[in-house]
N, C-alpha and C. Protein backbone atom coordinates (compact mmCIF):
# COMPACT_ATOMS: atom_id res chain seq x y z
N MET A 1 75.00 -53.86 94.77
CA MET A 1 75.38 -52.76 95.67
C MET A 1 75.18 -51.46 94.83
N GLN A 2 74.50 -50.53 95.38
CA GLN A 2 74.19 -49.26 94.80
C GLN A 2 75.42 -48.32 95.02
N HIS A 3 75.88 -47.68 94.01
CA HIS A 3 76.97 -46.72 94.14
C HIS A 3 76.40 -45.28 94.05
N ALA A 4 77.17 -44.35 94.49
CA ALA A 4 76.86 -42.92 94.36
C ALA A 4 76.95 -42.60 92.89
N SER A 5 76.03 -41.69 92.50
CA SER A 5 75.92 -41.32 91.10
C SER A 5 77.05 -40.29 90.84
N PHE A 6 77.65 -40.37 89.67
CA PHE A 6 78.68 -39.44 89.16
C PHE A 6 78.09 -38.44 88.20
N ALA A 7 76.78 -38.53 87.94
CA ALA A 7 76.15 -37.68 86.89
C ALA A 7 76.34 -36.21 87.17
N ALA A 8 76.49 -35.71 88.35
CA ALA A 8 76.66 -34.28 88.58
C ALA A 8 78.10 -33.80 88.44
N MET A 9 79.01 -34.76 88.37
CA MET A 9 80.39 -34.36 88.20
C MET A 9 80.59 -33.85 86.78
N GLN A 10 81.49 -32.83 86.56
CA GLN A 10 81.72 -32.33 85.25
C GLN A 10 82.76 -33.17 84.48
N CYS A 11 83.35 -34.07 85.07
CA CYS A 11 84.31 -34.95 84.35
C CYS A 11 83.64 -35.87 83.42
N PRO A 12 83.96 -35.85 82.13
CA PRO A 12 83.24 -36.72 81.17
C PRO A 12 83.54 -38.19 81.47
N ILE A 13 84.66 -38.51 82.03
CA ILE A 13 84.97 -39.95 82.30
C ILE A 13 84.06 -40.36 83.50
N ALA A 14 83.89 -39.53 84.51
CA ALA A 14 82.97 -39.85 85.66
C ALA A 14 81.59 -40.12 85.10
N ARG A 15 81.10 -39.16 84.31
CA ARG A 15 79.69 -39.23 83.77
C ARG A 15 79.56 -40.49 82.93
N SER A 16 80.56 -40.85 82.10
CA SER A 16 80.49 -42.06 81.28
C SER A 16 80.40 -43.28 82.13
N LEU A 17 81.31 -43.29 83.14
CA LEU A 17 81.22 -44.48 84.09
C LEU A 17 79.90 -44.56 84.82
N ASP A 18 79.25 -43.46 85.08
CA ASP A 18 77.91 -43.47 85.70
C ASP A 18 76.88 -44.30 84.89
N GLN A 19 77.04 -44.19 83.59
CA GLN A 19 76.12 -44.86 82.74
C GLN A 19 76.56 -46.25 82.29
N THR A 20 77.90 -46.46 82.22
CA THR A 20 78.34 -47.72 81.69
C THR A 20 79.46 -48.48 82.45
N GLY A 21 79.71 -47.98 83.63
CA GLY A 21 80.90 -48.37 84.41
C GLY A 21 80.94 -49.72 85.08
N ASP A 22 79.86 -50.38 85.24
CA ASP A 22 79.97 -51.69 85.86
C ASP A 22 80.19 -52.77 84.82
N TRP A 23 80.84 -53.84 85.18
CA TRP A 23 81.25 -54.90 84.29
C TRP A 23 80.02 -55.52 83.52
N TRP A 24 78.90 -55.72 84.17
CA TRP A 24 77.79 -56.29 83.50
C TRP A 24 77.33 -55.39 82.38
N SER A 25 77.26 -54.15 82.58
CA SER A 25 76.78 -53.19 81.51
C SER A 25 77.71 -53.23 80.29
N MET A 26 78.96 -53.26 80.57
CA MET A 26 79.95 -53.33 79.47
C MET A 26 79.85 -54.62 78.74
N LEU A 27 79.67 -55.72 79.42
CA LEU A 27 79.53 -57.04 78.81
C LEU A 27 78.18 -57.12 78.01
N ILE A 28 77.17 -56.54 78.56
CA ILE A 28 75.89 -56.51 77.77
C ILE A 28 76.09 -55.71 76.48
N LEU A 29 76.77 -54.52 76.58
CA LEU A 29 77.00 -53.80 75.33
C LEU A 29 77.87 -54.56 74.41
N ARG A 30 78.95 -55.21 74.92
CA ARG A 30 79.80 -56.13 74.06
C ARG A 30 78.91 -57.12 73.33
N ASN A 31 78.05 -57.78 74.07
CA ASN A 31 77.18 -58.83 73.42
C ASN A 31 76.18 -58.27 72.52
N ALA A 32 75.78 -57.06 72.76
CA ALA A 32 74.80 -56.43 71.79
C ALA A 32 75.55 -56.15 70.44
N PHE A 33 76.82 -55.77 70.55
CA PHE A 33 77.66 -55.62 69.32
C PHE A 33 77.80 -56.96 68.63
N LEU A 34 77.85 -58.06 69.43
CA LEU A 34 78.06 -59.39 68.86
C LEU A 34 76.69 -59.96 68.34
N GLY A 35 75.66 -59.29 68.47
CA GLY A 35 74.34 -59.74 67.86
C GLY A 35 73.30 -60.12 68.87
N ALA A 36 73.60 -60.15 70.17
CA ALA A 36 72.55 -60.54 71.14
C ALA A 36 71.45 -59.38 71.13
N ARG A 37 70.16 -59.92 71.15
CA ARG A 37 69.08 -58.97 71.08
C ARG A 37 68.01 -59.27 72.21
N ARG A 38 67.71 -60.53 72.45
CA ARG A 38 66.67 -60.94 73.41
C ARG A 38 67.21 -61.11 74.76
N PHE A 39 66.40 -60.99 75.74
CA PHE A 39 66.78 -61.13 77.18
C PHE A 39 67.38 -62.50 77.40
N HIS A 40 66.76 -63.52 76.77
CA HIS A 40 67.31 -64.88 76.89
C HIS A 40 68.73 -64.99 76.35
N ASP A 41 69.00 -64.28 75.21
CA ASP A 41 70.33 -64.30 74.64
C ASP A 41 71.38 -63.78 75.55
N PHE A 42 71.07 -62.59 76.18
CA PHE A 42 72.01 -62.03 77.12
C PHE A 42 72.20 -62.94 78.34
N GLU A 43 71.12 -63.43 78.83
CA GLU A 43 71.12 -64.27 80.08
C GLU A 43 71.98 -65.51 79.85
N GLU A 44 71.78 -66.14 78.68
CA GLU A 44 72.47 -67.43 78.43
C GLU A 44 73.98 -67.12 78.07
N LEU A 45 74.23 -66.13 77.32
CA LEU A 45 75.63 -65.85 76.91
C LEU A 45 76.49 -65.38 78.06
N LEU A 46 75.93 -64.62 79.02
CA LEU A 46 76.65 -64.04 80.11
C LEU A 46 76.55 -64.83 81.42
N GLY A 47 75.58 -65.72 81.51
CA GLY A 47 75.44 -66.43 82.81
C GLY A 47 75.08 -65.45 83.92
N ILE A 48 74.29 -64.46 83.63
CA ILE A 48 73.96 -63.40 84.56
C ILE A 48 72.57 -63.69 85.18
N ALA A 49 72.42 -63.38 86.44
CA ALA A 49 71.09 -63.57 87.15
C ALA A 49 70.05 -62.72 86.48
N PRO A 50 68.85 -63.27 86.31
CA PRO A 50 67.76 -62.47 85.65
C PRO A 50 67.46 -61.11 86.26
N ASN A 51 67.53 -61.00 87.64
CA ASN A 51 67.18 -59.70 88.24
C ASN A 51 68.33 -58.69 87.95
N THR A 52 69.48 -59.19 87.92
CA THR A 52 70.64 -58.29 87.55
C THR A 52 70.54 -57.84 86.13
N LEU A 53 70.29 -58.80 85.22
CA LEU A 53 70.15 -58.46 83.84
C LEU A 53 69.06 -57.42 83.58
N THR A 54 67.88 -57.65 84.27
CA THR A 54 66.77 -56.73 84.13
C THR A 54 67.20 -55.29 84.52
N ARG A 55 67.90 -55.17 85.72
CA ARG A 55 68.29 -53.85 86.10
C ARG A 55 69.31 -53.24 85.16
N ARG A 56 70.22 -53.97 84.64
CA ARG A 56 71.30 -53.43 83.72
C ARG A 56 70.57 -53.06 82.41
N LEU A 57 69.75 -53.88 81.84
CA LEU A 57 69.05 -53.54 80.52
C LEU A 57 68.21 -52.34 80.69
N THR A 58 67.49 -52.20 81.83
CA THR A 58 66.72 -51.07 82.11
C THR A 58 67.55 -49.78 82.18
N ALA A 59 68.60 -49.84 82.88
CA ALA A 59 69.55 -48.73 83.05
C ALA A 59 70.12 -48.29 81.65
N LEU A 60 70.56 -49.33 80.93
CA LEU A 60 71.17 -48.96 79.63
C LEU A 60 70.10 -48.39 78.64
N THR A 61 68.89 -48.80 78.82
CA THR A 61 67.79 -48.26 78.00
C THR A 61 67.44 -46.87 78.46
N GLU A 62 67.31 -46.63 79.77
CA GLU A 62 67.05 -45.34 80.31
C GLU A 62 68.17 -44.30 79.96
N HIS A 63 69.40 -44.73 79.92
CA HIS A 63 70.55 -43.89 79.56
C HIS A 63 70.71 -43.64 78.07
N GLY A 64 69.86 -44.43 77.29
CA GLY A 64 69.80 -44.19 75.80
C GLY A 64 70.91 -44.94 75.03
N LEU A 65 71.50 -45.97 75.60
CA LEU A 65 72.54 -46.79 74.90
C LEU A 65 71.91 -47.99 74.17
N LEU A 66 70.77 -48.47 74.71
CA LEU A 66 69.86 -49.45 74.08
C LEU A 66 68.49 -48.97 73.87
N ARG A 67 67.82 -49.54 72.86
CA ARG A 67 66.43 -49.26 72.63
C ARG A 67 65.71 -50.53 72.74
N ARG A 68 64.62 -50.55 73.51
CA ARG A 68 63.76 -51.76 73.74
C ARG A 68 62.61 -51.72 72.81
N TYR A 69 62.30 -52.86 72.17
CA TYR A 69 61.16 -52.97 71.24
C TYR A 69 60.56 -54.33 71.33
N ALA A 70 59.24 -54.40 71.06
CA ALA A 70 58.51 -55.69 71.10
C ALA A 70 58.82 -56.44 69.84
N TYR A 71 59.17 -57.68 70.02
CA TYR A 71 59.39 -58.60 68.77
C TYR A 71 58.35 -59.63 68.58
N THR A 72 57.44 -59.80 69.65
CA THR A 72 56.28 -60.66 69.57
C THR A 72 55.20 -60.11 70.44
N GLU A 73 53.94 -60.28 70.03
CA GLU A 73 52.81 -59.74 70.79
C GLU A 73 52.14 -60.76 71.77
N ARG A 74 52.12 -62.02 71.44
CA ARG A 74 51.50 -63.03 72.23
C ARG A 74 52.38 -64.20 72.41
N PRO A 75 53.04 -64.37 73.55
CA PRO A 75 53.13 -63.34 74.64
C PRO A 75 54.01 -62.16 74.20
N ARG A 76 53.78 -61.01 74.78
CA ARG A 76 54.56 -59.83 74.50
C ARG A 76 56.04 -60.04 74.99
N ARG A 77 56.93 -59.99 74.14
CA ARG A 77 58.36 -60.08 74.47
C ARG A 77 59.13 -59.01 73.84
N TYR A 78 60.26 -58.63 74.48
CA TYR A 78 60.98 -57.54 74.04
C TYR A 78 62.45 -57.94 73.65
N ALA A 79 63.02 -57.11 72.78
CA ALA A 79 64.39 -57.27 72.38
C ALA A 79 65.06 -55.94 72.50
N TYR A 80 66.32 -55.86 72.43
CA TYR A 80 67.12 -54.67 72.59
C TYR A 80 68.06 -54.45 71.43
N ALA A 81 68.17 -53.17 71.01
CA ALA A 81 69.05 -52.83 69.92
C ALA A 81 69.94 -51.64 70.34
N LEU A 82 71.11 -51.57 69.91
CA LEU A 82 72.01 -50.47 70.10
C LEU A 82 71.47 -49.19 69.46
N THR A 83 71.52 -48.11 70.23
CA THR A 83 71.19 -46.81 69.67
C THR A 83 72.47 -46.20 69.07
N GLU A 84 72.32 -44.98 68.51
CA GLU A 84 73.49 -44.30 68.02
C GLU A 84 74.52 -44.06 69.20
N LYS A 85 73.94 -43.68 70.40
CA LYS A 85 74.78 -43.47 71.53
C LYS A 85 75.41 -44.75 71.91
N GLY A 86 74.72 -45.86 71.86
CA GLY A 86 75.32 -47.17 72.19
C GLY A 86 76.41 -47.58 71.19
N GLN A 87 76.12 -47.32 69.87
CA GLN A 87 77.10 -47.61 68.91
C GLN A 87 78.40 -46.80 69.04
N ASP A 88 78.26 -45.60 69.51
CA ASP A 88 79.38 -44.70 69.80
C ASP A 88 80.33 -45.28 70.88
N PHE A 89 79.88 -46.29 71.62
CA PHE A 89 80.68 -46.94 72.70
C PHE A 89 81.60 -47.96 72.17
N LEU A 90 81.56 -48.31 70.88
CA LEU A 90 82.46 -49.38 70.32
C LEU A 90 83.90 -49.02 70.50
N PRO A 91 84.37 -47.80 70.18
CA PRO A 91 85.77 -47.52 70.41
C PRO A 91 86.25 -47.78 71.86
N VAL A 92 85.41 -47.58 72.83
CA VAL A 92 85.76 -47.89 74.20
C VAL A 92 86.01 -49.35 74.42
N LEU A 93 85.07 -50.12 73.92
CA LEU A 93 85.20 -51.60 74.04
C LEU A 93 86.42 -52.14 73.28
N LEU A 94 86.71 -51.58 72.09
CA LEU A 94 87.87 -51.97 71.33
C LEU A 94 89.14 -51.59 72.07
N SER A 95 89.14 -50.40 72.66
CA SER A 95 90.34 -49.99 73.43
C SER A 95 90.54 -50.91 74.62
N LEU A 96 89.52 -51.27 75.34
CA LEU A 96 89.62 -52.19 76.42
C LEU A 96 90.12 -53.53 76.00
N ALA A 97 89.66 -54.03 74.81
CA ALA A 97 90.16 -55.33 74.33
C ALA A 97 91.62 -55.20 73.94
N ALA A 98 92.03 -54.12 73.33
CA ALA A 98 93.49 -53.99 72.98
C ALA A 98 94.38 -53.92 74.21
N TRP A 99 93.85 -53.13 75.23
CA TRP A 99 94.63 -53.09 76.51
C TRP A 99 94.67 -54.42 77.16
N GLY A 100 93.53 -55.11 77.22
CA GLY A 100 93.54 -56.45 77.83
C GLY A 100 94.48 -57.40 77.08
N ASN A 101 94.46 -57.38 75.80
CA ASN A 101 95.35 -58.25 75.03
C ASN A 101 96.79 -57.98 75.29
N ARG A 102 97.15 -56.59 75.49
CA ARG A 102 98.51 -56.25 75.70
C ARG A 102 99.00 -56.58 77.11
N TRP A 103 98.18 -56.34 78.04
CA TRP A 103 98.57 -56.46 79.48
C TRP A 103 98.10 -57.59 80.27
N LEU A 104 96.97 -58.29 79.81
CA LEU A 104 96.43 -59.37 80.68
C LEU A 104 96.40 -60.67 80.02
N ALA A 105 96.86 -60.86 78.82
CA ALA A 105 96.80 -62.12 78.12
C ALA A 105 98.08 -62.84 78.25
N GLU A 106 98.39 -63.25 79.46
CA GLU A 106 99.68 -63.95 79.75
C GLU A 106 99.86 -65.19 78.96
N GLU A 107 98.73 -65.93 78.72
CA GLU A 107 98.73 -67.19 77.99
C GLU A 107 98.70 -66.99 76.40
N GLY A 108 98.61 -65.75 75.98
CA GLY A 108 98.47 -65.40 74.66
C GLY A 108 97.12 -64.81 74.29
N VAL A 109 97.14 -64.14 73.18
CA VAL A 109 95.87 -63.56 72.79
C VAL A 109 94.73 -64.56 72.32
N ALA A 110 93.62 -64.49 72.94
CA ALA A 110 92.57 -65.41 72.69
C ALA A 110 91.56 -64.87 71.68
N ILE A 111 91.38 -63.52 71.63
CA ILE A 111 90.47 -62.88 70.68
C ILE A 111 91.24 -61.71 70.02
N GLU A 112 91.32 -61.72 68.66
CA GLU A 112 91.95 -60.68 67.93
C GLU A 112 90.97 -59.85 67.27
N CYS A 113 91.27 -58.53 67.14
CA CYS A 113 90.55 -57.59 66.28
C CYS A 113 91.12 -57.70 64.88
N VAL A 114 90.24 -57.92 63.91
CA VAL A 114 90.65 -58.03 62.51
C VAL A 114 89.69 -57.23 61.65
N CYS A 115 90.15 -56.79 60.47
CA CYS A 115 89.36 -56.08 59.48
C CYS A 115 88.20 -56.98 59.04
N ALA A 116 86.99 -56.42 59.12
CA ALA A 116 85.81 -57.18 58.71
C ALA A 116 85.86 -57.59 57.18
N THR A 117 86.50 -56.90 56.42
CA THR A 117 86.52 -57.21 54.97
C THR A 117 87.72 -58.03 54.50
N THR A 118 88.90 -57.71 55.11
CA THR A 118 90.14 -58.39 54.65
C THR A 118 90.61 -59.49 55.62
N GLY A 119 90.20 -59.40 56.88
CA GLY A 119 90.70 -60.37 57.88
C GLY A 119 92.10 -60.02 58.38
N ALA A 120 92.70 -58.89 57.97
CA ALA A 120 93.99 -58.48 58.39
C ALA A 120 93.87 -57.96 59.89
N PRO A 121 94.88 -58.22 60.70
CA PRO A 121 94.93 -57.77 62.03
C PRO A 121 94.63 -56.19 62.16
N VAL A 122 93.87 -55.83 63.15
CA VAL A 122 93.67 -54.38 63.38
C VAL A 122 94.14 -54.09 64.77
N GLU A 123 94.86 -52.98 64.90
CA GLU A 123 95.33 -52.50 66.20
C GLU A 123 94.54 -51.23 66.56
N PRO A 124 93.50 -51.35 67.48
CA PRO A 124 92.75 -50.16 67.83
C PRO A 124 93.72 -49.16 68.52
N ALA A 125 93.56 -47.89 68.12
CA ALA A 125 94.35 -46.82 68.67
C ALA A 125 93.50 -45.58 68.74
N LEU A 126 93.80 -44.70 69.61
CA LEU A 126 93.14 -43.43 69.84
C LEU A 126 93.86 -42.45 68.97
N VAL A 127 93.10 -41.80 68.09
CA VAL A 127 93.69 -40.78 67.18
C VAL A 127 92.83 -39.49 67.27
N ASP A 128 93.43 -38.43 66.83
CA ASP A 128 92.72 -37.23 66.75
C ASP A 128 91.97 -37.21 65.42
N ARG A 129 90.65 -37.16 65.45
CA ARG A 129 89.84 -37.23 64.20
C ARG A 129 90.19 -36.13 63.19
N ARG A 130 90.60 -35.01 63.69
CA ARG A 130 90.91 -33.91 62.75
C ARG A 130 92.21 -34.11 62.06
N THR A 131 93.29 -34.58 62.81
CA THR A 131 94.59 -34.66 62.16
C THR A 131 95.02 -36.04 61.82
N GLY A 132 94.43 -37.08 62.44
CA GLY A 132 94.82 -38.49 62.26
C GLY A 132 96.01 -38.83 63.10
N ARG A 133 96.44 -37.95 63.92
CA ARG A 133 97.62 -38.17 64.80
C ARG A 133 97.28 -39.06 65.96
N ALA A 134 98.11 -40.10 66.21
CA ALA A 134 97.92 -40.96 67.39
C ALA A 134 98.07 -40.12 68.65
N LEU A 135 97.22 -40.51 69.72
CA LEU A 135 97.31 -39.75 70.91
C LEU A 135 97.82 -40.65 72.02
N GLY A 136 98.68 -40.21 72.85
CA GLY A 136 99.20 -41.00 73.98
C GLY A 136 99.56 -40.07 75.05
N PRO A 137 100.14 -40.66 76.16
CA PRO A 137 100.53 -39.84 77.33
C PRO A 137 101.48 -38.70 76.95
N GLY A 138 101.21 -37.57 77.43
CA GLY A 138 102.03 -36.38 77.19
C GLY A 138 101.70 -35.66 75.94
N MET A 139 100.64 -36.17 75.20
CA MET A 139 100.34 -35.49 73.93
C MET A 139 98.92 -34.83 73.90
N VAL A 140 98.26 -34.94 75.03
CA VAL A 140 97.00 -34.31 75.18
C VAL A 140 96.90 -33.58 76.53
N ALA A 141 96.32 -32.39 76.48
CA ALA A 141 96.09 -31.65 77.66
C ALA A 141 94.64 -31.37 77.91
N LEU A 142 94.25 -31.10 79.05
CA LEU A 142 92.83 -30.75 79.38
C LEU A 142 92.81 -29.29 79.75
N ARG A 143 91.75 -28.67 79.24
CA ARG A 143 91.44 -27.24 79.65
C ARG A 143 90.00 -27.13 79.98
N ALA A 144 89.67 -26.11 80.65
CA ALA A 144 88.25 -25.85 81.01
C ALA A 144 87.41 -25.50 79.77
N GLY A 145 86.23 -26.15 79.62
CA GLY A 145 85.41 -25.91 78.51
C GLY A 145 84.42 -24.77 78.85
N PRO A 146 83.63 -24.42 77.87
CA PRO A 146 82.65 -23.30 78.07
C PRO A 146 81.71 -23.53 79.22
N ALA A 147 81.26 -24.79 79.50
CA ALA A 147 80.35 -25.07 80.56
C ALA A 147 81.01 -25.40 81.91
N ALA A 148 82.25 -25.19 82.02
CA ALA A 148 82.94 -25.56 83.29
C ALA A 148 82.51 -24.66 84.43
N ARG A 149 82.25 -25.29 85.57
CA ARG A 149 81.91 -24.53 86.81
C ARG A 149 83.16 -23.81 87.30
N ARG A 150 82.98 -22.84 88.20
CA ARG A 150 84.04 -22.03 88.75
C ARG A 150 85.23 -22.89 89.32
N ARG A 151 84.95 -23.91 90.09
CA ARG A 151 85.97 -24.68 90.67
C ARG A 151 86.84 -25.38 89.66
N LEU A 152 86.10 -25.93 88.64
CA LEU A 152 86.85 -26.66 87.56
C LEU A 152 87.74 -25.63 86.79
N ARG A 153 87.05 -24.50 86.47
CA ARG A 153 87.81 -23.44 85.69
C ARG A 153 89.04 -23.02 86.43
N LYS A 154 88.90 -22.85 87.75
CA LYS A 154 90.03 -22.50 88.59
C LYS A 154 91.14 -23.51 88.55
N GLY A 155 90.74 -24.77 88.68
CA GLY A 155 91.71 -25.85 88.67
C GLY A 155 92.48 -26.08 87.31
N LEU A 156 91.77 -25.60 86.24
CA LEU A 156 92.30 -25.78 84.98
C LEU A 156 92.61 -24.39 84.28
N GLU A 157 93.11 -23.45 85.15
CA GLU A 157 93.40 -22.13 84.62
C GLU A 157 94.44 -22.29 83.51
N ALA A 158 95.41 -23.14 83.62
CA ALA A 158 96.31 -23.48 82.58
C ALA A 158 96.04 -24.94 82.28
N PRO A 159 95.98 -25.30 80.98
CA PRO A 159 95.69 -26.72 80.59
C PRO A 159 96.71 -27.71 81.34
N VAL A 160 96.21 -28.86 81.71
CA VAL A 160 97.00 -29.84 82.32
C VAL A 160 97.28 -30.99 81.30
N ILE A 161 98.63 -31.31 81.15
CA ILE A 161 99.02 -32.29 80.24
C ILE A 161 98.72 -33.70 80.85
N LEU A 162 98.03 -34.60 80.17
CA LEU A 162 97.71 -35.92 80.66
C LEU A 162 98.94 -36.80 80.42
N GLY A 163 99.31 -37.51 81.51
CA GLY A 163 100.36 -38.52 81.42
C GLY A 163 101.77 -37.91 81.33
N ALA A 164 101.94 -36.65 81.57
CA ALA A 164 103.27 -36.04 81.58
C ALA A 164 104.14 -36.74 82.67
N GLU A 165 105.32 -36.90 82.44
CA GLU A 165 106.27 -37.66 83.38
C GLU A 165 106.15 -37.12 84.78
N GLY A 166 105.87 -37.99 85.70
CA GLY A 166 105.88 -37.63 87.14
C GLY A 166 104.49 -37.12 87.56
N VAL A 167 103.49 -37.18 86.70
CA VAL A 167 102.20 -36.65 87.05
C VAL A 167 101.30 -37.86 87.25
N LEU A 168 100.64 -37.85 88.42
CA LEU A 168 99.68 -38.95 88.76
C LEU A 168 98.27 -38.76 88.16
N GLY A 169 97.87 -37.48 87.96
CA GLY A 169 96.59 -37.12 87.67
C GLY A 169 96.46 -35.79 86.99
N GLY A 170 95.34 -35.18 87.18
CA GLY A 170 95.05 -33.92 86.61
C GLY A 170 95.15 -32.72 87.61
N ALA A 171 94.16 -31.84 87.50
CA ALA A 171 94.18 -30.63 88.28
C ALA A 171 93.59 -30.92 89.70
N GLU A 172 94.41 -30.89 90.62
CA GLU A 172 94.08 -30.90 92.07
C GLU A 172 92.70 -31.26 92.48
N GLY A 173 92.21 -32.44 91.99
CA GLY A 173 90.95 -32.96 92.52
C GLY A 173 89.72 -32.22 92.04
N VAL A 174 89.78 -31.41 91.00
CA VAL A 174 88.66 -30.66 90.57
C VAL A 174 87.82 -31.39 89.42
N LEU A 175 88.43 -32.41 88.80
CA LEU A 175 87.77 -32.99 87.70
C LEU A 175 86.49 -33.74 88.11
N GLY A 176 86.41 -34.29 89.23
CA GLY A 176 85.23 -35.02 89.70
C GLY A 176 84.17 -34.09 90.21
N GLY A 177 84.49 -32.95 90.59
CA GLY A 177 83.50 -32.04 91.22
C GLY A 177 83.15 -32.38 92.61
N ALA A 178 83.56 -33.52 93.11
CA ALA A 178 83.40 -33.91 94.48
C ALA A 178 84.61 -33.29 95.26
N GLU A 179 84.35 -32.47 96.16
CA GLU A 179 85.44 -31.65 96.75
C GLU A 179 86.43 -32.57 97.49
N VAL A 180 87.24 -33.27 96.73
CA VAL A 180 88.25 -34.21 97.21
C VAL A 180 89.61 -33.62 97.02
N ALA A 181 90.45 -33.64 98.00
CA ALA A 181 91.72 -33.16 97.89
C ALA A 181 92.55 -34.12 97.15
N ALA A 182 93.46 -33.59 96.22
CA ALA A 182 94.24 -34.39 95.40
C ALA A 182 95.52 -34.89 96.12
N PRO A 183 96.09 -36.03 95.72
CA PRO A 183 97.37 -36.46 96.30
C PRO A 183 98.42 -35.37 96.12
N ARG A 184 99.37 -35.26 97.03
CA ARG A 184 100.40 -34.28 96.91
C ARG A 184 101.15 -34.30 95.60
N ALA A 185 101.43 -35.44 95.05
CA ALA A 185 102.17 -35.57 93.77
C ALA A 185 101.41 -34.93 92.62
N VAL A 186 100.07 -34.84 92.75
CA VAL A 186 99.27 -34.21 91.70
C VAL A 186 99.40 -32.71 91.76
N ARG A 187 99.68 -32.20 92.93
CA ARG A 187 99.72 -30.67 93.11
C ARG A 187 100.70 -30.08 92.19
N GLY A 188 101.74 -30.77 91.77
CA GLY A 188 102.76 -30.17 90.89
C GLY A 188 102.48 -30.64 89.47
N ALA A 189 101.28 -30.84 89.07
CA ALA A 189 100.92 -31.41 87.74
C ALA A 189 101.55 -30.54 86.65
N ALA A 190 101.97 -31.22 85.56
CA ALA A 190 102.52 -30.47 84.43
C ALA A 190 101.50 -29.57 83.78
N ARG A 191 101.87 -28.32 83.53
CA ARG A 191 101.01 -27.35 82.92
C ARG A 191 101.51 -27.01 81.50
N VAL A 192 100.60 -26.69 80.70
CA VAL A 192 100.92 -26.24 79.37
C VAL A 192 101.26 -24.81 79.50
N ARG A 193 102.42 -24.35 78.93
CA ARG A 193 102.83 -22.97 79.05
C ARG A 193 102.06 -22.18 78.01
N ALA A 194 101.53 -21.03 78.46
CA ALA A 194 100.73 -20.21 77.50
C ALA A 194 101.64 -19.42 76.56
């Protein structure tokens, strides 16, 4: 099923989902991190239909997350490698794994993240690269950036705190750029005082 493109939206989450948001794409990227390279590797490990795999590999290559290269000439066959952009997706996958282990592993954790050199358990967390401070709800605000269009700039006249108590979302439906009205509860979003 073809979905509408989010590429024109100014929200970085929407744009990211446009390139990586379906489950097959994320599982392909996961398996690329696990060492899968050839079409057959992905097909066998994922149990994915060849036509679906072809579409997803093509899209991930066109979006610059994977690079396709020939690994044999006769017959000509291709393999895939993560690009720098693709490698930058690892924190997203680790965050999903940590969230899944916390909230969806009712039978217990089946896959743990551990340090590659010591084997000690690792707890992925989102931190500010500049300060090293852990980030969570109520600790980060959104403000309009230099490239923000007028509607987004107006919706983010004052920065909006993410996850502030009682807030369902951000600034009145402006983050997606699709002229969608926000739920009433969002209209009273917590604002950072100037």
